[in-house]
Amino acid sequence: MSGRTYSVYIMPSRTCTLYVGVTNDLEQRVFEHKENLIPGFTRKYGITRSVYFESYGEVLDAIAREKQIKGWRRARKVDLIESVNPRWRDLSEGWYGQSSCR
């Protein structure tokens, strides 16, 4: 066991595209998305709300899960999100004090 935690997360865009990612520092990675610090897809499509995440102790498990979820159709991803977050609230609210993103 590595002692680290790896997270698979889902964030919706302004156009309702679901972005699936993996990270070893969930709070930092979500912050980077919220502040548009990551160039490319996430900045272009306004990825700022964290609506789902899972944690793993092994990086290979997290990567495998990320790939699995990415392979799913949208409806299955929506079902996964709504199984724990039916209102799609931003799970990162309060992580950084007053949030400038809603």
PDB file of N, CA and C in Angstrom:
ATOM      1  N   MET A   1       0.854  -1.189   0.000  1.00  0.00           N
ATOM      2  CA  MET A   1       0.000   0.000   0.000  1.00  0.00           C
ATOM      3  C   MET A   1       0.889   1.238   0.000  1.00  0.00           C
ATOM      4  N   SER A   2       0.524   2.213  -0.789  1.00  0.00           N
ATOM      5  CA  SER A   2       1.355   3.398  -0.978  1.00  0.00           C
ATOM      6  C   SER A   2       1.185   4.450   0.111  1.00  0.00           C
ATOM      7  N   GLY A   3       0.084   4.446   0.849  1.00  0.00           N
ATOM      8  CA  GLY A   3      -0.163   5.460   1.856  1.00  0.00           C
ATOM      9  C   GLY A   3      -0.841   6.707   1.303  1.00  0.00           C
ATOM     10  N   ARG A   4      -0.932   6.808   0.002  1.00  0.00           N
ATOM     11  CA  ARG A   4      -1.600   7.944  -0.640  1.00  0.00           C
ATOM     12  C   ARG A   4      -3.041   7.577  -0.944  1.00  0.00           C
ATOM     13  N   THR A   5      -3.819   8.593  -1.212  1.00  0.00           N
ATOM     14  CA  THR A   5      -5.194   8.401  -1.651  1.00  0.00           C
ATOM     15  C   THR A   5      -5.320   8.940  -3.061  1.00  0.00           C
ATOM     16  N   TYR A   6      -5.961   8.170  -3.900  1.00  0.00           N
ATOM     17  CA  TYR A   6      -6.189   8.550  -5.288  1.00  0.00           C
ATOM     18  C   TYR A   6      -7.690   8.628  -5.505  1.00  0.00           C
ATOM     19  N   SER A   7      -8.120   9.664  -6.173  1.00  0.00           N
ATOM     20  CA  SER A   7      -9.553   9.887  -6.357  1.00  0.00           C
ATOM     21  C   SER A   7      -9.928   9.922  -7.825  1.00  0.00           C
ATOM     22  N   VAL A   8     -11.061   9.327  -8.116  1.00  0.00           N
ATOM     23  CA  VAL A   8     -11.713   9.436  -9.415  1.00  0.00           C
ATOM     24  C   VAL A   8     -12.856  10.412  -9.186  1.00  0.00           C
ATOM     25  N   TYR A   9     -13.003  11.381 -10.077  1.00  0.00           N
ATOM     26  CA  TYR A   9     -14.013  12.409  -9.856  1.00  0.00           C
ATOM     27  C   TYR A   9     -14.753  12.720 -11.150  1.00  0.00           C
ATOM     28  N   ILE A  10     -15.970  13.257 -10.976  1.00  0.00           N
ATOM     29  CA  ILE A  10     -16.782  13.672 -12.112  1.00  0.00           C
ATOM     30  C   ILE A  10     -17.203  15.114 -11.887  1.00  0.00           C
ATOM     31  N   MET A  11     -17.028  15.915 -12.940  1.00  0.00           N
ATOM     32  CA  MET A  11     -17.418  17.324 -12.911  1.00  0.00           C
ATOM     33  C   MET A  11     -18.173  17.639 -14.202  1.00  0.00           C
ATOM     34  N   PRO A  12     -19.357  18.259 -14.101  1.00  0.00           N
ATOM     35  CA  PRO A  12     -20.098  18.619 -15.314  1.00  0.00           C
ATOM     36  C   PRO A  12     -19.638  19.964 -15.868  1.00  0.00           C
ATOM     37  N   SER A  13     -19.739  20.101 -17.185  1.00  0.00           N
ATOM     38  CA  SER A  13     -19.419  21.378 -17.821  1.00  0.00           C
ATOM     39  C   SER A  13     -20.676  22.233 -17.898  1.00  0.00           C
ATOM     40  N   ARG A  14     -20.503  23.476 -18.369  1.00  0.00           N
ATOM     41  CA  ARG A  14     -21.662  24.362 -18.584  1.00  0.00           C
ATOM     42  C   ARG A  14     -22.616  23.765 -19.602  1.00  0.00           C
ATOM     43  N   THR A  15     -22.076  22.966 -20.527  1.00  0.00           N
ATOM     44  CA  THR A  15     -22.911  22.368 -21.572  1.00  0.00           C
ATOM     45  C   THR A  15     -23.354  20.951 -21.206  1.00  0.00           C
ATOM     46  N   CYS A  16     -23.149  20.578 -19.943  1.00  0.00           N
ATOM     47  CA  CYS A  16     -23.580  19.293 -19.393  1.00  0.00           C
ATOM     48  C   CYS A  16     -22.755  18.097 -19.837  1.00  0.00           C
ATOM     49  N   THR A  17     -21.594  18.324 -20.401  1.00  0.00           N
ATOM     50  CA  THR A  17     -20.665  17.234 -20.666  1.00  0.00           C
ATOM     51  C   THR A  17     -20.072  16.806 -19.330  1.00  0.00           C
ATOM     52  N   LEU A  18     -19.925  15.518 -19.125  1.00  0.00           N
ATOM     53  CA  LEU A  18     -19.380  15.020 -17.870  1.00  0.00           C
ATOM     54  C   LEU A  18     -17.894  14.717 -18.026  1.00  0.00           C
ATOM     55  N   TYR A  19     -17.087  15.425 -17.266  1.00  0.00           N
ATOM     56  CA  TYR A  19     -15.640  15.233 -17.274  1.00  0.00           C
ATOM     57  C   TYR A  19     -15.282  14.255 -16.161  1.00  0.00           C
ATOM     58  N   VAL A  20     -14.536  13.214 -16.508  1.00  0.00           N
ATOM     59  CA  VAL A  20     -14.086  12.219 -15.537  1.00  0.00           C
ATOM     60  C   VAL A  20     -12.565  12.312 -15.445  1.00  0.00           C
ATOM     61  N   GLY A  21     -12.049  12.424 -14.227  1.00  0.00           N
ATOM     62  CA  GLY A  21     -10.611  12.530 -14.047  1.00  0.00           C
ATOM     63  C   GLY A  21     -10.132  11.707 -12.867  1.00  0.00           C
ATOM     64  N   VAL A  22      -8.817  11.644 -12.716  1.00  0.00           N
ATOM     65  CA  VAL A  22      -8.196  10.944 -11.593  1.00  0.00           C
ATOM     66  C   VAL A  22      -7.072  11.834 -11.059  1.00  0.00           C
ATOM     67  N   THR A  23      -6.871  11.819  -9.750  1.00  0.00           N
ATOM     68  CA  THR A  23      -5.866  12.669  -9.126  1.00  0.00           C
ATOM     69  C   THR A  23      -5.402  12.066  -7.802  1.00  0.00           C
ATOM     70  N   ASN A  24      -4.234  12.494  -7.356  1.00  0.00           N
ATOM     71  CA  ASN A  24      -3.761  12.085  -6.033  1.00  0.00           C
ATOM     72  C   ASN A  24      -3.970  13.191  -5.003  1.00  0.00           C
ATOM     73  N   ASP A  25      -4.591  14.302  -5.406  1.00  0.00           N
ATOM     74  CA  ASP A  25      -4.899  15.405  -4.491  1.00  0.00           C
ATOM     75  C   ASP A  25      -6.203  16.049  -4.958  1.00  0.00           C
ATOM     76  N   LEU A  26      -7.318  15.499  -4.498  1.00  0.00           N
ATOM     77  CA  LEU A  26      -8.632  15.921  -4.984  1.00  0.00           C
ATOM     78  C   LEU A  26      -8.902  17.402  -4.728  1.00  0.00           C
ATOM     79  N   GLU A  27      -8.630  17.877  -3.524  1.00  0.00           N
ATOM     80  CA  GLU A  27      -8.905  19.285  -3.227  1.00  0.00           C
ATOM     81  C   GLU A  27      -8.116  20.212  -4.143  1.00  0.00           C
ATOM     82  N   GLN A  28      -6.836  19.916  -4.348  1.00  0.00           N
ATOM     83  CA  GLN A  28      -6.006  20.753  -5.213  1.00  0.00           C
ATOM     84  C   GLN A  28      -6.502  20.700  -6.658  1.00  0.00           C
ATOM     85  N   ARG A  29      -6.833  19.511  -7.124  1.00  0.00           N
ATOM     86  CA  ARG A  29      -7.263  19.370  -8.525  1.00  0.00           C
ATOM     87  C   ARG A  29      -8.586  20.092  -8.770  1.00  0.00           C
ATOM     88  N   VAL A  30      -9.533  19.978  -7.859  1.00  0.00           N
ATOM     89  CA  VAL A  30     -10.811  20.679  -8.011  1.00  0.00           C
ATOM     90  C   VAL A  30     -10.571  22.189  -7.975  1.00  0.00           C
ATOM     91  N   PHE A  31      -9.701  22.645  -7.085  1.00  0.00           N
ATOM     92  CA  PHE A  31      -9.347  24.064  -7.034  1.00  0.00           C
ATOM     93  C   PHE A  31      -8.803  24.528  -8.384  1.00  0.00           C
ATOM     94  N   GLU A  32      -7.914  23.744  -8.973  1.00  0.00           N
ATOM     95  CA  GLU A  32      -7.351  24.093 -10.282  1.00  0.00           C
ATOM     96  C   GLU A  32      -8.440  24.210 -11.346  1.00  0.00           C
ATOM     97  N   HIS A  33      -9.425  23.319 -11.298  1.00  0.00           N
ATOM     98  CA  HIS A  33     -10.548  23.406 -12.237  1.00  0.00           C
ATOM     99  C   HIS A  33     -11.364  24.679 -11.973  1.00  0.00           C
ATOM    100  N   LYS A  34     -11.683  24.929 -10.722  1.00  0.00           N
ATOM    101  CA  LYS A  34     -12.504  26.092 -10.369  1.00  0.00           C
ATOM    102  C   LYS A  34     -11.848  27.413 -10.778  1.00  0.00           C
ATOM    103  N   GLU A  35     -10.541  27.473 -10.670  1.00  0.00           N
ATOM    104  CA  GLU A  35      -9.814  28.697 -10.988  1.00  0.00           C
ATOM    105  C   GLU A  35      -9.329  28.750 -12.437  1.00  0.00           C
ATOM    106  N   ASN A  36      -9.772  27.787 -13.252  1.00  0.00           N
ATOM    107  CA  ASN A  36      -9.401  27.720 -14.675  1.00  0.00           C
ATOM    108  C   ASN A  36      -7.892  27.677 -14.875  1.00  0.00           C
ATOM    109  N   LEU A  37      -7.188  26.952 -14.040  1.00  0.00           N
ATOM    110  CA  LEU A  37      -5.738  26.850 -14.124  1.00  0.00           C
ATOM    111  C   LEU A  37      -5.284  25.730 -15.057  1.00  0.00           C
ATOM    112  N   ILE A  38      -6.229  24.887 -15.488  1.00  0.00           N
ATOM    113  CA  ILE A  38      -5.882  23.746 -16.338  1.00  0.00           C
ATOM    114  C   ILE A  38      -6.286  24.064 -17.772  1.00  0.00           C
ATOM    115  N   PRO A  39      -5.308  24.203 -18.656  1.00  0.00           N
ATOM    116  CA  PRO A  39      -5.652  24.517 -20.048  1.00  0.00           C
ATOM    117  C   PRO A  39      -6.336  23.336 -20.737  1.00  0.00           C
ATOM    118  N   GLY A  40      -7.035  23.653 -21.797  1.00  0.00           N
ATOM    119  CA  GLY A  40      -7.666  22.599 -22.579  1.00  0.00           C
ATOM    120  C   GLY A  40      -9.147  22.478 -22.298  1.00  0.00           C
ATOM    121  N   PHE A  41      -9.631  21.254 -22.333  1.00  0.00           N
ATOM    122  CA  PHE A  41     -11.058  20.965 -22.243  1.00  0.00           C
ATOM    123  C   PHE A  41     -11.709  21.578 -21.011  1.00  0.00           C
ATOM    124  N   THR A  42     -11.093  21.390 -19.852  1.00  0.00           N
ATOM    125  CA  THR A  42     -11.740  21.832 -18.619  1.00  0.00           C
ATOM    126  C   THR A  42     -11.883  23.348 -18.548  1.00  0.00           C
ATOM    127  N   ARG A  43     -10.916  24.070 -19.052  1.00  0.00           N
ATOM    128  CA  ARG A  43     -11.020  25.538 -19.076  1.00  0.00           C
ATOM    129  C   ARG A  43     -12.032  25.976 -20.129  1.00  0.00           C
ATOM    130  N   LYS A  44     -11.940  25.399 -21.309  1.00  0.00           N
ATOM    131  CA  LYS A  44     -12.819  25.776 -22.424  1.00  0.00           C
ATOM    132  C   LYS A  44     -14.297  25.569 -22.093  1.00  0.00           C
ATOM    133  N   TYR A  45     -14.604  24.495 -21.390  1.00  0.00           N
ATOM    134  CA  TYR A  45     -16.004  24.153 -21.127  1.00  0.00           C
ATOM    135  C   TYR A  45     -16.474  24.482 -19.714  1.00  0.00           C
ATOM    136  N   GLY A  46     -15.691  25.216 -18.956  1.00  0.00           N
ATOM    137  CA  GLY A  46     -16.148  25.700 -17.652  1.00  0.00           C
ATOM    138  C   GLY A  46     -16.405  24.610 -16.633  1.00  0.00           C
ATOM    139  N   ILE A  47     -15.450  23.737 -16.463  1.00  0.00           N
ATOM    140  CA  ILE A  47     -15.576  22.651 -15.489  1.00  0.00           C
ATOM    141  C   ILE A  47     -15.254  23.231 -14.109  1.00  0.00           C
ATOM    142  N   THR A  48     -16.289  23.446 -13.277  1.00  0.00           N
ATOM    143  CA  THR A  48     -16.049  24.087 -11.975  1.00  0.00           C
ATOM    144  C   THR A  48     -16.764  23.433 -10.795  1.00  0.00           C
ATOM    145  N   ARG A  49     -17.642  22.473 -11.036  1.00  0.00           N
ATOM    146  CA  ARG A  49     -18.394  21.860  -9.927  1.00  0.00           C
ATOM    147  C   ARG A  49     -18.027  20.392  -9.791  1.00  0.00           C
ATOM    148  N   SER A  50     -17.738  19.970  -8.592  1.00  0.00           N
ATOM    149  CA  SER A  50     -17.447  18.567  -8.305  1.00  0.00           C
ATOM    150  C   SER A  50     -18.733  17.907  -7.824  1.00  0.00           C
ATOM    151  N   VAL A  51     -19.232  16.928  -8.589  1.00  0.00           N
ATOM    152  CA  VAL A  51     -20.508  16.309  -8.229  1.00  0.00           C
ATOM    153  C   VAL A  51     -20.378  14.854  -7.797  1.00  0.00           C
ATOM    154  N   TYR A  52     -19.182  14.270  -7.977  1.00  0.00           N
ATOM    155  CA  TYR A  52     -18.994  12.871  -7.600  1.00  0.00           C
ATOM    156  C   TYR A  52     -17.510  12.589  -7.441  1.00  0.00           C
ATOM    157  N   PHE A  53     -17.174  11.743  -6.451  1.00  0.00           N
ATOM    158  CA  PHE A  53     -15.813  11.234  -6.358  1.00  0.00           C
ATOM    159  C   PHE A  53     -15.789   9.932  -5.575  1.00  0.00           C
ATOM    160  N   GLU A  54     -14.770   9.141  -5.859  1.00  0.00           N
ATOM    161  CA  GLU A  54     -14.485   7.890  -5.157  1.00  0.00           C
ATOM    162  C   GLU A  54     -13.006   7.918  -4.805  1.00  0.00           C
ATOM    163  N   SER A  55     -12.623   7.282  -3.705  1.00  0.00           N
ATOM    164  CA  SER A  55     -11.219   7.259  -3.298  1.00  0.00           C
ATOM    165  C   SER A  55     -10.675   5.839  -3.289  1.00  0.00           C
ATOM    166  N   TYR A  56      -9.392   5.725  -3.631  1.00  0.00           N
ATOM    167  CA  TYR A  56      -8.702   4.441  -3.699  1.00  0.00           C
ATOM    168  C   TYR A  56      -7.334   4.562  -3.038  1.00  0.00           C
ATOM    169  N   GLY A  57      -6.839   3.465  -2.532  1.00  0.00           N
ATOM    170  CA  GLY A  57      -5.522   3.439  -1.930  1.00  0.00           C
ATOM    171  C   GLY A  57      -4.410   3.128  -2.909  1.00  0.00           C
ATOM    172  N   GLU A  58      -4.785   2.627  -4.068  1.00  0.00           N
ATOM    173  CA  GLU A  58      -3.792   2.258  -5.081  1.00  0.00           C
ATOM    174  C   GLU A  58      -4.081   3.003  -6.379  1.00  0.00           C
ATOM    175  N   VAL A  59      -3.049   3.582  -6.964  1.00  0.00           N
ATOM    176  CA  VAL A  59      -3.209   4.371  -8.176  1.00  0.00           C
ATOM    177  C   VAL A  59      -3.756   3.533  -9.336  1.00  0.00           C
ATOM    178  N   LEU A  60      -3.310   2.288  -9.456  1.00  0.00           N
ATOM    179  CA  LEU A  60      -3.788   1.462 -10.568  1.00  0.00           C
ATOM    180  C   LEU A  60      -5.277   1.172 -10.460  1.00  0.00           C
ATOM    181  N   ASP A  61      -5.780   1.039  -9.232  1.00  0.00           N
ATOM    182  CA  ASP A  61      -7.218   0.842  -9.040  1.00  0.00           C
ATOM    183  C   ASP A  61      -7.995   2.088  -9.476  1.00  0.00           C
ATOM    184  N   ALA A  62      -7.481   3.251  -9.115  1.00  0.00           N
ATOM    185  CA  ALA A  62      -8.140   4.508  -9.485  1.00  0.00           C
ATOM    186  C   ALA A  62      -8.125   4.702 -10.996  1.00  0.00           C
ATOM    187  N   ILE A  63      -7.008   4.427 -11.625  1.00  0.00           N
ATOM    188  CA  ILE A  63      -6.917   4.580 -13.082  1.00  0.00           C
ATOM    189  C   ILE A  63      -7.852   3.610 -13.788  1.00  0.00           C
ATOM    190  N   ALA A  64      -7.921   2.382 -13.303  1.00  0.00           N
ATOM    191  CA  ALA A  64      -8.824   1.396 -13.902  1.00  0.00           C
ATOM    192  C   ALA A  64     -10.277   1.849 -13.771  1.00  0.00           C
ATOM    193  N   ARG A  65     -10.632   2.389 -12.623  1.00  0.00           N
ATOM    194  CA  ARG A  65     -12.009   2.859 -12.412  1.00  0.00           C
ATOM    195  C   ARG A  65     -12.304   4.058 -13.297  1.00  0.00           C
ATOM    196  N   GLU A  66     -11.356   4.976 -13.424  1.00  0.00           N
ATOM    197  CA  GLU A  66     -11.536   6.131 -14.307  1.00  0.00           C
ATOM    198  C   GLU A  66     -11.815   5.655 -15.729  1.00  0.00           C
ATOM    199  N   LYS A  67     -11.032   4.729 -16.216  1.00  0.00           N
ATOM    200  CA  LYS A  67     -11.221   4.209 -17.567  1.00  0.00           C
ATOM    201  C   LYS A  67     -12.564   3.517 -17.711  1.00  0.00           C
ATOM    202  N   GLN A  68     -12.966   2.782 -16.683  1.00  0.00           N
ATOM    203  CA  GLN A  68     -14.256   2.106 -16.712  1.00  0.00           C
ATOM    204  C   GLN A  68     -15.392   3.119 -16.847  1.00  0.00           C
ATOM    205  N   ILE A  69     -15.375   4.134 -15.990  1.00  0.00           N
ATOM    206  CA  ILE A  69     -16.442   5.147 -16.011  1.00  0.00           C
ATOM    207  C   ILE A  69     -16.422   5.906 -17.335  1.00  0.00           C
ATOM    208  N   LYS A  70     -15.244   6.258 -17.833  1.00  0.00           N
ATOM    209  CA  LYS A  70     -15.154   6.967 -19.111  1.00  0.00           C
ATOM    210  C   LYS A  70     -15.769   6.157 -20.248  1.00  0.00           C
ATOM    211  N   GLY A  71     -15.748   4.843 -20.131  1.00  0.00           N
ATOM    212  CA  GLY A  71     -16.312   3.979 -21.165  1.00  0.00           C
ATOM    213  C   GLY A  71     -17.827   3.842 -21.119  1.00  0.00           C
ATOM    214  N   TRP A  72     -18.422   4.339 -20.057  1.00  0.00           N
ATOM    215  CA  TRP A  72     -19.872   4.234 -19.909  1.00  0.00           C
ATOM    216  C   TRP A  72     -20.599   5.284 -20.741  1.00  0.00           C
ATOM    217  N   ARG A  73     -21.839   4.975 -21.063  1.00  0.00           N
ATOM    218  CA  ARG A  73     -22.719   5.967 -21.681  1.00  0.00           C
ATOM    219  C   ARG A  73     -23.112   6.991 -20.617  1.00  0.00           C
ATOM    220  N   ARG A  74     -23.542   8.141 -21.077  1.00  0.00           N
ATOM    221  CA  ARG A  74     -23.913   9.237 -20.182  1.00  0.00           C
ATOM    222  C   ARG A  74     -24.936   8.810 -19.130  1.00  0.00           C
ATOM    223  N   ALA A  75     -25.959   8.075 -19.527  1.00  0.00           N
ATOM    224  CA  ALA A  75     -27.031   7.683 -18.597  1.00  0.00           C
ATOM    225  C   ALA A  75     -26.485   6.909 -17.396  1.00  0.00           C
ATOM    226  N   ARG A  76     -25.524   6.060 -17.628  1.00  0.00           N
ATOM    227  CA  ARG A  76     -24.948   5.290 -16.524  1.00  0.00           C
ATOM    228  C   ARG A  76     -24.135   6.194 -15.600  1.00  0.00           C
ATOM    229  N   LYS A  77     -23.425   7.164 -16.160  1.00  0.00           N
ATOM    230  CA  LYS A  77     -22.684   8.128 -15.343  1.00  0.00           C
ATOM    231  C   LYS A  77     -23.647   8.961 -14.500  1.00  0.00           C
ATOM    232  N   VAL A  78     -24.752   9.386 -15.108  1.00  0.00           N
ATOM    233  CA  VAL A  78     -25.772  10.150 -14.384  1.00  0.00           C
ATOM    234  C   VAL A  78     -26.332   9.319 -13.233  1.00  0.00           C
ATOM    235  N   ASP A  79     -26.621   8.051 -13.491  1.00  0.00           N
ATOM    236  CA  ASP A  79     -27.122   7.170 -12.429  1.00  0.00           C
ATOM    237  C   ASP A  79     -26.116   7.058 -11.287  1.00  0.00           C
ATOM    238  N   LEU A  80     -24.832   6.959 -11.627  1.00  0.00           N
ATOM    239  CA  LEU A  80     -23.786   6.872 -10.603  1.00  0.00           C
ATOM    240  C   LEU A  80     -23.771   8.138  -9.752  1.00  0.00           C
ATOM    241  N   ILE A  81     -23.777   9.287 -10.388  1.00  0.00           N
ATOM    242  CA  ILE A  81     -23.788  10.564  -9.663  1.00  0.00           C
ATOM    243  C   ILE A  81     -25.010  10.651  -8.764  1.00  0.00           C
ATOM    244  N   GLU A  82     -26.180  10.370  -9.333  1.00  0.00           N
ATOM    245  CA  GLU A  82     -27.429  10.532  -8.589  1.00  0.00           C
ATOM    246  C   GLU A  82     -27.612   9.499  -7.487  1.00  0.00           C
ATOM    247  N   SER A  83     -26.839   8.411  -7.519  1.00  0.00           N
ATOM    248  CA  SER A  83     -26.922   7.416  -6.445  1.00  0.00           C
ATOM    249  C   SER A  83     -26.399   7.979  -5.120  1.00  0.00           C
ATOM    250  N   VAL A  84     -25.533   8.989  -5.194  1.00  0.00           N
ATOM    251  CA  VAL A  84     -24.988   9.601  -3.970  1.00  0.00           C
ATOM    252  C   VAL A  84     -25.223  11.108  -3.901  1.00  0.00           C
ATOM    253  N   ASN A  85     -25.596  11.713  -5.016  1.00  0.00           N
ATOM    254  CA  ASN A  85     -25.755  13.170  -5.075  1.00  0.00           C
ATOM    255  C   ASN A  85     -26.928  13.513  -6.003  1.00  0.00           C
ATOM    256  N   PRO A  86     -28.155  13.182  -5.575  1.00  0.00           N
ATOM    257  CA  PRO A  86     -29.313  13.342  -6.464  1.00  0.00           C
ATOM    258  C   PRO A  86     -29.588  14.778  -6.903  1.00  0.00           C
ATOM    259  N   ARG A  87     -29.136  15.755  -6.149  1.00  0.00           N
ATOM    260  CA  ARG A  87     -29.373  17.163  -6.515  1.00  0.00           C
ATOM    261  C   ARG A  87     -28.195  17.783  -7.267  1.00  0.00           C
ATOM    262  N   TRP A  88     -27.163  16.996  -7.505  1.00  0.00           N
ATOM    263  CA  TRP A  88     -25.987  17.457  -8.233  1.00  0.00           C
ATOM    264  C   TRP A  88     -25.356  18.677  -7.559  1.00  0.00           C
ATOM    265  N   ARG A  89     -25.369  18.707  -6.235  1.00  0.00           N
ATOM    266  CA  ARG A  89     -24.758  19.844  -5.549  1.00  0.00           C
ATOM    267  C   ARG A  89     -23.241  19.750  -5.663  1.00  0.00           C
ATOM    268  N   ASP A  90     -22.591  20.872  -5.547  1.00  0.00           N
ATOM    269  CA  ASP A  90     -21.139  20.933  -5.637  1.00  0.00           C
ATOM    270  C   ASP A  90     -20.559  20.390  -4.331  1.00  0.00           C
ATOM    271  N   LEU A  91     -19.963  19.220  -4.390  1.00  0.00           N
ATOM    272  CA  LEU A  91     -19.436  18.566  -3.194  1.00  0.00           C
ATOM    273  C   LEU A  91     -18.231  19.291  -2.617  1.00  0.00           C
ATOM    274  N   SER A  92     -17.644  20.196  -3.381  1.00  0.00           N
ATOM    275  CA  SER A  92     -16.478  20.939  -2.894  1.00  0.00           C
ATOM    276  C   SER A  92     -16.861  22.254  -2.224  1.00  0.00           C
ATOM    277  N   GLU A  93     -18.144  22.547  -2.109  1.00  0.00           N
ATOM    278  CA  GLU A  93     -18.560  23.780  -1.429  1.00  0.00           C
ATOM    279  C   GLU A  93     -18.002  23.769  -0.012  1.00  0.00           C
ATOM    280  N   GLY A  94     -17.377  24.861   0.362  1.00  0.00           N
ATOM    281  CA  GLY A  94     -16.831  24.981   1.703  1.00  0.00           C
ATOM    282  C   GLY A  94     -15.397  24.493   1.849  1.00  0.00           C
ATOM    283  N   TRP A  95     -14.855  23.850   0.820  1.00  0.00           N
ATOM    284  CA  TRP A  95     -13.478  23.360   0.910  1.00  0.00           C
ATOM    285  C   TRP A  95     -12.487  24.509   0.965  1.00  0.00           C
ATOM    286  N   TYR A  96     -12.830  25.624   0.345  1.00  0.00           N
ATOM    287  CA  TYR A  96     -11.876  26.734   0.186  1.00  0.00           C
ATOM    288  C   TYR A  96     -12.378  28.023   0.807  1.00  0.00           C
ATOM    289  N   GLY A  97     -13.277  27.933   1.751  1.00  0.00           N
ATOM    290  CA  GLY A  97     -13.879  29.147   2.296  1.00  0.00           C
ATOM    291  C   GLY A  97     -14.988  29.602   1.370  1.00  0.00           C
ATOM    292  N   GLN A  98     -15.111  30.881   1.174  1.00  0.00           N
ATOM    293  CA  GLN A  98     -16.141  31.446   0.298  1.00  0.00           C
ATOM    294  C   GLN A  98     -15.820  31.096  -1.158  1.00  0.00           C
ATOM    295  N   SER A  99     -16.692  30.377  -1.800  1.00  0.00           N
ATOM    296  CA  SER A  99     -16.478  29.976  -3.190  1.00  0.00           C
ATOM    297  C   SER A  99     -16.970  31.059  -4.136  1.00  0.00           C
ATOM    298  N   SER A 100     -16.179  31.333  -5.162  1.00  0.00           N
ATOM    299  CA  SER A 100     -16.603  32.302  -6.175  1.00  0.00           C
ATOM    300  C   SER A 100     -17.362  31.620  -7.305  1.00  0.00           C
ATOM    301  N   CYS A 101     -17.431  30.293  -7.286  1.00  0.00           N
ATOM    302  CA  CYS A 101     -18.105  29.536  -8.347  1.00  0.00           C
ATOM    303  C   CYS A 101     -19.366  28.907  -7.790  1.00  0.00           C
ATOM    304  N   ARG A 102     -20.381  28.877  -8.583  1.00  0.00           N
ATOM    305  CA  ARG A 102     -21.635  28.227  -8.158  1.00  0.00           C
ATOM    306  C   ARG A 102     -22.088  27.257  -9.205  1.00  0.00           C
TER     307      ARG A 102
END
